[in-house]
Amino acid sequence: MDVDNLNTMMLDVLGEIGNIGSGNAVTALASMLSKRVDMSVPQVRMVQFKDAAAILGGEEKLVSGIYLDLHGDVEGNIMFILDMKSAINLTDILLNRGNSEELDEIAVSALSEVGNILASSYVNSLGALTGLKIAVSVPSLAIDMAGAILSVPAIQFGQIADQILFIETVFTEGDNYVKGNLFLLPDMASFEKILSSLGVL
């Protein structure tokens, strides 16, 4: 399979996964907060794995990354990455606080939990659309440079698809603004399986 030549139909289908996943994530977040949460139209595109750090602001940009292993019919990794301002804003929303300057222990715990809920929303959408059974691991959270966080799946899975699905979603709650970057990194065999299940391969 040459993922460099993904046709428009494939991208449309992958975009639909992003739309549904983001919608489910916002619904889950609003339910959890008992507050209204708005969402911009998700930006969904295929990107080169090597370009992922640049999207996040460079390899040395400090970010918060929540990552989960995928098991079952799809093997790989899903990562939900936030710049530090978005991570702090999100935990302020969750904990009903305002203008925090850093993530304390309670905030880190809350961030891990919400990252799990949001990432699971995308995985569940992918499973529902493809009919594939996909399980996720317990989330791991790291605060580190983007380059270091993105090296984890490469080390863990070795050969991952050169192209990965990138979904950027902006959530707002009142004056709080959160930009979430979700990366779906299946291994090559799983990528083909996903596209085949969607009827576009």
Protein backbone atom coordinates (compact mmCIF):
# COMPACT_ATOMS: atom_id res chain seq x y z
CA MET A 1 0.00 0.00 0.00
CA ASP A 2 1.29 3.44 -0.90
CA VAL A 3 -0.19 5.77 1.70
CA ASP A 4 1.38 8.71 -0.10
CA ASN A 5 -1.31 8.33 -2.73
CA LEU A 6 -4.37 8.36 -0.51
CA ASN A 7 -7.21 9.46 -2.71
CA THR A 8 -9.86 12.03 -1.88
CA MET A 9 -12.40 9.40 -0.87
CA MET A 10 -10.01 7.92 1.70
CA LEU A 11 -9.30 11.34 3.15
CA ASP A 12 -13.03 12.10 3.30
CA VAL A 13 -13.64 8.88 5.23
CA LEU A 14 -10.74 9.55 7.59
CA GLY A 15 -12.06 13.08 8.02
CA GLU A 16 -15.43 11.67 9.01
CA ILE A 17 -13.73 9.62 11.72
CA GLY A 18 -12.21 12.88 12.98
CA ASN A 19 -15.56 14.68 12.93
CA ILE A 20 -17.45 11.91 14.73
CA GLY A 21 -14.64 11.31 17.21
CA SER A 22 -14.37 15.01 18.02
CA GLY A 23 -18.14 15.29 18.43
CA ASN A 24 -18.20 12.32 20.78
CA ALA A 25 -15.24 13.75 22.70
CA VAL A 26 -16.99 17.11 23.20
CA THR A 27 -20.19 15.36 24.32
CA ALA A 28 -18.19 13.30 26.84
CA LEU A 29 -16.35 16.39 28.07
CA ALA A 30 -19.55 18.45 28.44
CA SER A 31 -21.22 15.59 30.32
CA MET A 32 -18.22 15.24 32.62
CA LEU A 33 -18.16 18.99 33.35
CA SER A 34 -21.91 19.63 33.33
CA LYS A 35 -21.03 22.69 31.26
CA ARG A 36 -21.49 23.77 27.67
CA VAL A 37 -18.43 23.00 25.57
CA ASP A 38 -18.12 24.32 22.02
CA MET A 39 -15.93 22.87 19.31
CA SER A 40 -14.48 24.22 16.09
CA VAL A 41 -14.69 22.10 12.94
CA PRO A 42 -11.84 19.58 13.37
CA GLN A 43 -8.90 19.87 10.99
CA VAL A 44 -8.18 16.35 9.78
CA ARG A 45 -5.28 15.45 7.56
CA MET A 46 -2.65 12.87 6.86
CA VAL A 47 0.84 14.02 7.79
CA GLN A 48 4.31 12.54 7.61
CA PHE A 49 5.33 11.18 11.00
CA LYS A 50 8.62 13.07 10.66
CA ASP A 51 6.67 16.36 10.45
CA ALA A 52 4.62 15.79 13.62
CA ALA A 53 7.00 17.66 15.94
CA ALA A 54 6.96 20.72 13.66
CA ILE A 55 3.13 20.78 13.84
CA LEU A 56 3.43 20.99 17.63
CA GLY A 57 5.84 23.92 17.48
CA GLY A 58 9.18 22.15 17.14
CA GLU A 59 11.00 19.25 18.77
CA GLU A 60 11.98 21.31 21.82
CA LYS A 61 8.47 22.66 22.52
CA LEU A 62 7.28 21.61 25.97
CA VAL A 63 3.99 19.73 25.67
CA SER A 64 1.75 17.42 27.62
CA GLY A 65 1.21 14.07 25.94
CA ILE A 66 -1.27 11.36 26.83
CA TYR A 67 -0.68 8.14 24.96
CA LEU A 68 -2.46 4.82 24.84
CA ASP A 69 -1.56 1.56 23.14
CA LEU A 70 -4.08 0.08 20.71
CA HIS A 71 -4.68 -3.67 20.78
CA GLY A 72 -7.00 -6.13 19.10
CA ASP A 73 -7.74 -5.77 15.39
CA VAL A 74 -5.62 -2.62 15.29
CA GLU A 75 -2.12 -2.40 16.77
CA GLY A 76 -0.43 0.92 17.31
CA ASN A 77 -0.70 3.99 19.41
CA ILE A 78 -2.94 7.00 19.87
CA MET A 79 -1.54 10.23 21.28
CA PHE A 80 -3.41 13.27 22.55
CA ILE A 81 -0.97 16.16 22.78
CA LEU A 82 -1.59 19.62 24.24
CA ASP A 83 0.63 22.67 24.44
CA MET A 84 1.14 23.62 28.08
CA LYS A 85 -1.27 26.59 27.99
CA SER A 86 -4.04 24.35 26.63
CA ALA A 87 -3.24 21.65 29.21
CA ILE A 88 -3.49 24.19 32.05
CA ASN A 89 -6.70 25.69 30.63
CA LEU A 90 -8.24 22.22 30.32
CA THR A 91 -7.43 21.30 33.91
CA ASP A 92 -8.71 24.69 35.12
CA ILE A 93 -12.02 23.88 33.39
CA LEU A 94 -12.07 20.39 34.92
CA LEU A 95 -11.19 21.52 38.43
CA ASN A 96 -13.21 24.75 38.31
CA ARG A 97 -10.12 26.84 38.89
CA GLY A 98 -8.85 29.95 37.15
CA ASN A 99 -5.55 31.28 35.87
CA SER A 100 -3.29 28.50 37.10
CA GLU A 101 0.35 28.87 36.08
CA GLU A 102 1.43 25.25 36.18
CA LEU A 103 0.13 21.70 36.50
CA ASP A 104 0.09 20.39 40.05
CA GLU A 105 -0.39 16.75 41.04
CA ILE A 106 -4.21 16.99 41.05
CA ALA A 107 -4.19 18.65 37.62
CA VAL A 108 -1.91 15.97 36.15
CA SER A 109 -4.27 13.25 37.42
CA ALA A 110 -7.29 15.08 35.97
CA LEU A 111 -5.50 15.57 32.65
CA SER A 112 -4.68 11.89 32.38
CA GLU A 113 -8.31 10.98 33.01
CA VAL A 114 -9.76 13.41 30.49
CA GLY A 115 -7.11 12.42 27.94
CA ASN A 116 -8.23 8.83 28.34
CA ILE A 117 -11.89 9.82 27.81
CA LEU A 118 -11.12 11.94 24.73
CA ALA A 119 -8.80 9.42 23.10
CA SER A 120 -11.27 6.61 23.80
CA SER A 121 -13.99 8.67 22.06
CA TYR A 122 -11.93 8.66 18.86
CA VAL A 123 -11.07 4.96 19.15
CA ASN A 124 -14.71 4.04 19.74
CA SER A 125 -15.71 6.06 16.67
CA LEU A 126 -13.08 4.27 14.59
CA GLY A 127 -14.28 0.90 15.87
CA ALA A 128 -17.93 1.73 15.16
CA LEU A 129 -17.18 2.89 11.59
CA THR A 130 -14.88 0.01 10.69
CA GLY A 131 -16.45 -2.85 12.65
CA LEU A 132 -12.98 -3.59 14.04
CA LYS A 133 -12.53 -4.50 17.68
CA ILE A 134 -10.05 -2.06 19.18
CA ALA A 135 -9.02 -1.99 22.83
CA VAL A 136 -6.97 0.74 24.50
CA SER A 137 -4.46 0.45 27.32
CA VAL A 138 -4.37 2.48 30.52
CA PRO A 139 -3.18 5.99 29.55
CA SER A 140 0.35 7.20 30.21
CA LEU A 141 0.97 10.91 30.64
CA ALA A 142 4.25 12.67 30.08
CA ILE A 143 5.27 16.32 30.16
CA ASP A 144 8.32 16.66 27.98
CA MET A 145 9.65 18.10 24.75
CA ALA A 146 7.57 17.20 21.68
CA GLY A 147 10.46 15.31 20.09
CA ALA A 148 10.87 13.09 23.17
CA ILE A 149 7.15 12.31 23.44
CA LEU A 150 6.85 11.49 19.75
CA SER A 151 9.84 9.14 19.95
CA VAL A 152 7.91 6.77 22.26
CA PRO A 153 5.71 5.06 19.62
CA ALA A 154 8.60 4.89 17.17
CA ILE A 155 10.72 3.05 19.74
CA GLN A 156 7.82 0.91 20.93
CA PHE A 157 6.49 -0.22 17.57
CA GLY A 158 9.50 0.16 15.32
CA GLN A 159 7.87 0.24 11.90
CA ILE A 160 4.89 2.53 12.07
CA ALA A 161 3.15 4.00 9.06
CA ASP A 162 5.12 6.89 7.55
CA GLN A 163 1.81 8.73 7.27
CA ILE A 164 -0.32 9.24 10.36
CA LEU A 165 -3.80 10.62 10.91
CA PHE A 166 -3.67 14.05 12.57
CA ILE A 167 -6.82 15.62 14.06
CA GLU A 168 -6.68 19.14 15.47
CA THR A 169 -9.70 20.18 17.50
CA VAL A 170 -10.26 23.43 19.37
CA PHE A 171 -12.56 23.25 22.40
CA THR A 172 -13.87 26.33 24.19
CA GLU A 173 -15.71 26.65 27.47
CA GLY A 174 -16.47 30.25 28.32
CA ASP A 175 -13.17 32.13 27.92
CA ASN A 176 -11.08 28.97 28.16
CA TYR A 177 -9.48 27.83 24.91
CA VAL A 178 -8.01 24.35 24.46
CA LYS A 179 -6.29 23.14 21.30
CA GLY A 180 -6.04 19.36 21.19
CA ASN A 181 -3.76 17.52 18.76
CA LEU A 182 -4.62 13.88 18.26
CA PHE A 183 -2.32 11.53 16.38
CA LEU A 184 -3.39 8.04 15.33
CA LEU A 185 -0.31 5.93 14.70
CA PRO A 186 -1.25 2.45 13.52
CA ASP A 187 1.36 -0.02 12.35
CA MET A 188 1.42 -0.59 8.59
CA ALA A 189 -0.70 -3.77 8.64
CA SER A 190 -3.33 -2.09 10.83
CA PHE A 191 -3.43 0.98 8.58
CA GLU A 192 -4.26 -1.24 5.62
CA LYS A 193 -6.86 -3.08 7.71
CA ILE A 194 -8.57 0.19 8.69
CA LEU A 195 -8.76 1.42 5.10
CA SER A 196 -9.94 -1.99 3.86
CA SER A 197 -12.67 -2.10 6.52
CA LEU A 198 -13.82 1.34 5.39
CA GLY A 199 -14.09 0.04 1.84
CA VAL A 200 -11.60 2.49 0.39
CA LEU A 201 -8.63 0.21 -0.25
